[in-house]
Amino acid sequence: YQAPSRSIERLLAGDLAVMFWLGTVAVGLVAPLVLTWLAKKVETGKKLAAYAGVALACVAVGGLCWRVILYVVAISIFALY
């Protein structure tokens, strides 16, 4: 059992920090923003579709990482409810 107040600490600098910062923030947020910015400069349809596809995949990976984090955090306090 872990105290619920420790969840933020685990997220920012603990055992979940790598998954949060790399998986959710970098891959799920920053990479799609960069790909969207790069796609603005593309004029052909195939390249635009490729950028959009990769950005969508990054968002899906980031969302999956976030769901795993929520599950892991909730498991530690599940017995309380």
Foldseek 3Di string as FASTA:
>chain_A
DDDLVCLVVCCCPNVNVCLCVVQQPVQQPVQLVVLVVVLVPDDDDVSNVVSVVSNVVSNVRNVVSVVVSVVVSCVVCVVVD
